[in-house]
Amino acid sequence: LKAAFIKEKLRLHNYEEFILINLGGGSRWQHKKWTKEGYAELINKLSYEKPNTAVGAIAGQEDIDFYNDVLSLTDKRDNVFLLGCENSTEDFISIIYNADKVFTSDSLAFHIAAALDKYAVVIVGPTSHTELDVFGNGNILYSSKVDCLGCYLNKCDKTVTCMNSINSDEVLRYLL
């Protein structure tokens, strides 16, 4: 019932597809989230290249500043939905339920998407990519340009990191 309400509220029936971009990831790891520029470029490219696709941006309360920074770099288009940072858990699950594809670096969104059998693209850096499985329904992305993947370090002093060495075109090809 909640999922149907969300679908109607967002008017997702007007679009061929709904791709959810989860910008959240918390603050435990400095580079668990992808880059602000990467997220903004991805949202912009998806919204232009797929005008009949709804592109949703969402995050958790802990990520509100990051979310706002990303949105300041994002073009305002009719097919871009700003879903905010204050969704209840039930609303968050319902939004994922309505998505055709989910892009995230956050384990909560990933696990919900997997449980709902949603196509998920998960970007991983300081945590282990070998411990994740999309069960044949998506992709797990990680950088091949660094040798310290899965370091589990909360802070990173490298210039080239596990997250800034992945560009939006590398991600985009899994969502088109």
C-alpha atoms as a PDB file:
ATOM      1  CA  LEU A   1       0.000   0.000   0.000  1.00  0.00           C
ATOM      2  CA  LYS A   2       2.778   2.438   0.918  1.00  0.00           C
ATOM      3  CA  ALA A   3       4.704   1.559  -2.259  1.00  0.00           C
ATOM      4  CA  ALA A   4       1.640   2.279  -4.414  1.00  0.00           C
ATOM      5  CA  PHE A   5       1.190   5.635  -2.653  1.00  0.00           C
ATOM      6  CA  ILE A   6       4.861   6.542  -3.304  1.00  0.00           C
ATOM      7  CA  LYS A   7       4.540   5.529  -6.963  1.00  0.00           C
ATOM      8  CA  GLU A   8       1.459   7.708  -7.402  1.00  0.00           C
ATOM      9  CA  LYS A   9       2.897  10.629  -5.417  1.00  0.00           C
ATOM     10  CA  LEU A  10       6.013  10.691  -7.607  1.00  0.00           C
ATOM     11  CA  ARG A  11       3.944  10.022 -10.756  1.00  0.00           C
ATOM     12  CA  LEU A  12       6.351   7.268 -11.745  1.00  0.00           C
ATOM     13  CA  HIS A  13       3.733   5.892 -14.152  1.00  0.00           C
ATOM     14  CA  ASN A  14       4.729   8.798 -16.436  1.00  0.00           C
ATOM     15  CA  TYR A  15       8.190   7.261 -16.933  1.00  0.00           C
ATOM     16  CA  GLU A  16       9.505   4.108 -18.563  1.00  0.00           C
ATOM     17  CA  GLU A  17      11.958   3.474 -15.746  1.00  0.00           C
ATOM     18  CA  PHE A  18      12.936   4.716 -12.281  1.00  0.00           C
ATOM     19  CA  ILE A  19      16.616   4.758 -11.311  1.00  0.00           C
ATOM     20  CA  LEU A  20      17.339   5.541  -7.672  1.00  0.00           C
ATOM     21  CA  ILE A  21      20.685   7.105  -6.790  1.00  0.00           C
ATOM     22  CA  ASN A  22      21.377   6.717  -3.069  1.00  0.00           C
ATOM     23  CA  LEU A  23      23.889   9.380  -2.038  1.00  0.00           C
ATOM     24  CA  GLY A  24      24.014   8.213   1.562  1.00  0.00           C
ATOM     25  CA  GLY A  25      26.718   6.220   3.228  1.00  0.00           C
ATOM     26  CA  GLY A  26      27.147   7.681   6.672  1.00  0.00           C
ATOM     27  CA  SER A  27      30.321   9.127   8.102  1.00  0.00           C
ATOM     28  CA  ARG A  28      32.145   6.084   9.469  1.00  0.00           C
ATOM     29  CA  TRP A  29      34.453   5.879   6.439  1.00  0.00           C
ATOM     30  CA  GLN A  30      35.824   9.003   4.765  1.00  0.00           C
ATOM     31  CA  HIS A  31      35.555   7.467   1.288  1.00  0.00           C
ATOM     32  CA  LYS A  32      32.635   5.046   1.558  1.00  0.00           C
ATOM     33  CA  LYS A  33      30.491   7.468  -0.443  1.00  0.00           C
ATOM     34  CA  TRP A  34      31.453   8.177  -4.021  1.00  0.00           C
ATOM     35  CA  THR A  35      32.518  11.721  -4.924  1.00  0.00           C
ATOM     36  CA  LYS A  36      30.088  14.647  -5.033  1.00  0.00           C
ATOM     37  CA  GLU A  37      31.163  15.336  -8.602  1.00  0.00           C
ATOM     38  CA  GLY A  38      30.689  11.709  -9.600  1.00  0.00           C
ATOM     39  CA  TYR A  39      27.140  11.562  -8.247  1.00  0.00           C
ATOM     40  CA  ALA A  40      26.207  14.906  -9.864  1.00  0.00           C
ATOM     41  CA  GLU A  41      27.675  13.916 -13.232  1.00  0.00           C
ATOM     42  CA  LEU A  42      25.848  10.579 -13.100  1.00  0.00           C
ATOM     43  CA  ILE A  43      22.496  12.202 -12.283  1.00  0.00           C
ATOM     44  CA  ASN A  44      22.995  14.792 -15.040  1.00  0.00           C
ATOM     45  CA  LYS A  45      24.026  12.226 -17.655  1.00  0.00           C
ATOM     46  CA  LEU A  46      21.164   9.859 -16.795  1.00  0.00           C
ATOM     47  CA  SER A  47      18.578  12.652 -16.873  1.00  0.00           C
ATOM     48  CA  TYR A  48      19.765  13.898 -20.285  1.00  0.00           C
ATOM     49  CA  GLU A  49      20.481  10.554 -21.940  1.00  0.00           C
ATOM     50  CA  LYS A  50      17.285   8.930 -20.635  1.00  0.00           C
ATOM     51  CA  PRO A  51      14.602  11.661 -20.635  1.00  0.00           C
ATOM     52  CA  ASN A  52      11.842   9.042 -20.198  1.00  0.00           C
ATOM     53  CA  THR A  53      13.523   7.780 -17.035  1.00  0.00           C
ATOM     54  CA  ALA A  54      12.858   9.167 -13.568  1.00  0.00           C
ATOM     55  CA  VAL A  55      16.139   9.685 -11.717  1.00  0.00           C
ATOM     56  CA  GLY A  56      15.744   9.911  -7.957  1.00  0.00           C
ATOM     57  CA  ALA A  57      18.338  11.253  -5.505  1.00  0.00           C
ATOM     58  CA  ILE A  58      18.029  10.203  -1.876  1.00  0.00           C
ATOM     59  CA  ALA A  59      20.183  10.050   1.273  1.00  0.00           C
ATOM     60  CA  GLY A  60      19.867   9.640   5.014  1.00  0.00           C
ATOM     61  CA  GLN A  61      19.704  12.365   7.664  1.00  0.00           C
ATOM     62  CA  GLU A  62      23.398  11.972   8.452  1.00  0.00           C
ATOM     63  CA  ASP A  63      24.236  12.857   4.850  1.00  0.00           C
ATOM     64  CA  ILE A  64      22.199  16.051   4.415  1.00  0.00           C
ATOM     65  CA  ASP A  65      25.194  18.357   3.804  1.00  0.00           C
ATOM     66  CA  PHE A  66      26.686  15.929   1.291  1.00  0.00           C
ATOM     67  CA  TYR A  67      23.270  15.567  -0.387  1.00  0.00           C
ATOM     68  CA  ASN A  68      22.874  19.347  -0.681  1.00  0.00           C
ATOM     69  CA  ASP A  69      26.411  19.710  -2.062  1.00  0.00           C
ATOM     70  CA  VAL A  70      25.670  17.099  -4.756  1.00  0.00           C
ATOM     71  CA  LEU A  71      22.380  18.771  -5.655  1.00  0.00           C
ATOM     72  CA  SER A  72      24.115  22.139  -6.021  1.00  0.00           C
ATOM     73  CA  LEU A  73      26.104  20.524  -8.869  1.00  0.00           C
ATOM     74  CA  THR A  74      23.058  18.860 -10.433  1.00  0.00           C
ATOM     75  CA  ASP A  75      21.014  20.329 -13.270  1.00  0.00           C
ATOM     76  CA  LYS A  76      17.358  20.932 -12.434  1.00  0.00           C
ATOM     77  CA  ARG A  77      15.282  18.776 -14.803  1.00  0.00           C
ATOM     78  CA  ASP A  78      11.712  17.512 -14.742  1.00  0.00           C
ATOM     79  CA  ASN A  79      12.826  13.873 -14.611  1.00  0.00           C
ATOM     80  CA  VAL A  80      15.129  14.390 -11.587  1.00  0.00           C
ATOM     81  CA  PHE A  81      13.356  13.743  -8.287  1.00  0.00           C
ATOM     82  CA  LEU A  82      14.871  15.112  -5.092  1.00  0.00           C
ATOM     83  CA  LEU A  83      13.704  12.617  -2.492  1.00  0.00           C
ATOM     84  CA  GLY A  84      15.477  14.198   0.455  1.00  0.00           C
ATOM     85  CA  CYS A  85      17.147  12.932   3.583  1.00  0.00           C
ATOM     86  CA  GLU A  86      14.278  12.576   6.028  1.00  0.00           C
ATOM     87  CA  ASN A  87      12.408   9.539   4.761  1.00  0.00           C
ATOM     88  CA  SER A  88      11.136   7.010   7.261  1.00  0.00           C
ATOM     89  CA  THR A  89      12.504   3.485   6.960  1.00  0.00           C
ATOM     90  CA  GLU A  90       9.166   2.398   5.514  1.00  0.00           C
ATOM     91  CA  ASP A  91       9.289   5.181   2.902  1.00  0.00           C
ATOM     92  CA  PHE A  92      12.912   4.342   2.047  1.00  0.00           C
ATOM     93  CA  ILE A  93      12.012   0.693   1.485  1.00  0.00           C
ATOM     94  CA  SER A  94       8.951   1.708  -0.564  1.00  0.00           C
ATOM     95  CA  ILE A  95      11.051   4.007  -2.750  1.00  0.00           C
ATOM     96  CA  ILE A  96      13.540   1.198  -3.391  1.00  0.00           C
ATOM     97  CA  TYR A  97      10.621  -1.140  -4.090  1.00  0.00           C
ATOM     98  CA  ASN A  98       9.461   1.222  -6.842  1.00  0.00           C
ATOM     99  CA  ALA A  99      12.925   1.544  -8.399  1.00  0.00           C
ATOM    100  CA  ASP A 100      13.890  -0.463 -11.452  1.00  0.00           C
ATOM    101  CA  LYS A 101      17.583   0.081 -10.707  1.00  0.00           C
ATOM    102  CA  VAL A 102      19.443   1.237  -7.599  1.00  0.00           C
ATOM    103  CA  PHE A 103      22.925   2.773  -7.435  1.00  0.00           C
ATOM    104  CA  THR A 104      24.473   2.960  -3.967  1.00  0.00           C
ATOM    105  CA  SER A 105      27.598   2.763  -1.859  1.00  0.00           C
ATOM    106  CA  ASP A 106      25.535   2.153   1.255  1.00  0.00           C
ATOM    107  CA  SER A 107      25.013  -1.344   2.613  1.00  0.00           C
ATOM    108  CA  LEU A 108      21.469  -0.695   3.893  1.00  0.00           C
ATOM    109  CA  ALA A 109      20.199   0.349   0.458  1.00  0.00           C
ATOM    110  CA  PHE A 110      22.139  -2.516  -1.128  1.00  0.00           C
ATOM    111  CA  HIS A 111      20.649  -5.126   1.236  1.00  0.00           C
ATOM    112  CA  ILE A 112      17.104  -3.784   0.779  1.00  0.00           C
ATOM    113  CA  ALA A 113      17.533  -3.784  -3.013  1.00  0.00           C
ATOM    114  CA  ALA A 114      18.887  -7.347  -2.935  1.00  0.00           C
ATOM    115  CA  ALA A 115      16.032  -8.512  -0.695  1.00  0.00           C
ATOM    116  CA  LEU A 116      13.526  -6.947  -3.106  1.00  0.00           C
ATOM    117  CA  ASP A 117      15.313  -8.528  -6.095  1.00  0.00           C
ATOM    118  CA  LYS A 118      16.114  -5.125  -7.592  1.00  0.00           C
ATOM    119  CA  TYR A 119      18.899  -4.560 -10.101  1.00  0.00           C
ATOM    120  CA  ALA A 120      21.632  -2.939  -7.996  1.00  0.00           C
ATOM    121  CA  VAL A 121      24.915  -1.313  -8.860  1.00  0.00           C
ATOM    122  CA  VAL A 122      27.047  -1.046  -5.740  1.00  0.00           C
ATOM    123  CA  ILE A 123      30.227   1.014  -5.619  1.00  0.00           C
ATOM    124  CA  VAL A 124      32.700  -0.168  -2.995  1.00  0.00           C
ATOM    125  CA  GLY A 125      35.962   1.254  -1.697  1.00  0.00           C
ATOM    126  CA  PRO A 126      37.263   0.953   1.857  1.00  0.00           C
ATOM    127  CA  THR A 127      35.024  -2.011   2.639  1.00  0.00           C
ATOM    128  CA  SER A 128      35.371  -5.425   1.043  1.00  0.00           C
ATOM    129  CA  HIS A 129      33.818  -5.982  -2.376  1.00  0.00           C
ATOM    130  CA  THR A 130      34.398  -9.727  -2.038  1.00  0.00           C
ATOM    131  CA  GLU A 131      31.860  -9.941   0.803  1.00  0.00           C
ATOM    132  CA  LEU A 132      29.002  -8.596  -1.346  1.00  0.00           C
ATOM    133  CA  ASP A 133      26.801 -10.417  -3.817  1.00  0.00           C
ATOM    134  CA  VAL A 134      24.113  -9.015  -6.120  1.00  0.00           C
ATOM    135  CA  PHE A 135      22.973 -12.562  -6.896  1.00  0.00           C
ATOM    136  CA  GLY A 136      23.238 -12.089 -10.648  1.00  0.00           C
ATOM    137  CA  ASN A 137      21.078  -8.968 -10.603  1.00  0.00           C
ATOM    138  CA  GLY A 138      23.489  -6.057 -10.963  1.00  0.00           C
ATOM    139  CA  ASN A 139      27.152  -5.249 -10.551  1.00  0.00           C
ATOM    140  CA  ILE A 140      29.648  -4.494  -7.828  1.00  0.00           C
ATOM    141  CA  LEU A 141      32.074  -1.768  -8.891  1.00  0.00           C
ATOM    142  CA  TYR A 142      35.450  -1.067  -7.381  1.00  0.00           C
ATOM    143  CA  SER A 143      38.625   0.635  -8.499  1.00  0.00           C
ATOM    144  CA  SER A 144      41.385  -1.288 -10.207  1.00  0.00           C
ATOM    145  CA  LYS A 145      43.640   1.763  -9.876  1.00  0.00           C
ATOM    146  CA  VAL A 146      44.501   1.393  -6.195  1.00  0.00           C
ATOM    147  CA  ASP A 147      46.055  -1.479  -4.283  1.00  0.00           C
ATOM    148  CA  CYS A 148      44.450  -0.781  -0.914  1.00  0.00           C
ATOM    149  CA  LEU A 149      40.836  -1.857  -1.516  1.00  0.00           C
ATOM    150  CA  GLY A 150      39.058  -3.236   1.506  1.00  0.00           C
ATOM    151  CA  CYS A 151      41.447  -1.436   3.863  1.00  0.00           C
ATOM    152  CA  TYR A 152      38.624  -0.607   6.301  1.00  0.00           C
ATOM    153  CA  LEU A 153      40.470   2.577   7.261  1.00  0.00           C
ATOM    154  CA  ASN A 154      38.176   5.349   8.462  1.00  0.00           C
ATOM    155  CA  LYS A 155      40.495   8.056   7.093  1.00  0.00           C
ATOM    156  CA  CYS A 156      42.609   8.097   3.949  1.00  0.00           C
ATOM    157  CA  ASP A 157      45.578  10.310   3.121  1.00  0.00           C
ATOM    158  CA  LYS A 158      45.993   9.223  -0.508  1.00  0.00           C
ATOM    159  CA  THR A 159      45.471  11.612  -3.426  1.00  0.00           C
ATOM    160  CA  VAL A 160      44.136   8.883  -5.722  1.00  0.00           C
ATOM    161  CA  THR A 161      41.535   6.995  -3.706  1.00  0.00           C
ATOM    162  CA  CYS A 162      39.303   3.998  -4.222  1.00  0.00           C
ATOM    163  CA  MET A 163      36.378   6.336  -4.908  1.00  0.00           C
ATOM    164  CA  ASN A 164      37.848   9.263  -6.831  1.00  0.00           C
ATOM    165  CA  SER A 165      39.493   6.903  -9.327  1.00  0.00           C
ATOM    166  CA  ILE A 166      36.092   5.743 -10.649  1.00  0.00           C
ATOM    167  CA  ASN A 167      34.396   8.121 -13.083  1.00  0.00           C
ATOM    168  CA  SER A 168      30.748   8.589 -13.958  1.00  0.00           C
ATOM    169  CA  ASP A 169      31.068   6.919 -17.377  1.00  0.00           C
ATOM    170  CA  GLU A 170      32.273   3.717 -15.688  1.00  0.00           C
ATOM    171  CA  VAL A 171      29.115   3.699 -13.564  1.00  0.00           C
ATOM    172  CA  LEU A 172      26.776   4.964 -16.283  1.00  0.00           C
ATOM    173  CA  ARG A 173      27.313   1.960 -18.521  1.00  0.00           C
ATOM    174  CA  TYR A 174      25.756  -0.309 -15.868  1.00  0.00           C
ATOM    175  CA  LEU A 175      22.659   1.889 -15.554  1.00  0.00           C
ATOM    176  CA  LEU A 176      21.826   2.565 -19.205  1.00  0.00           C
END
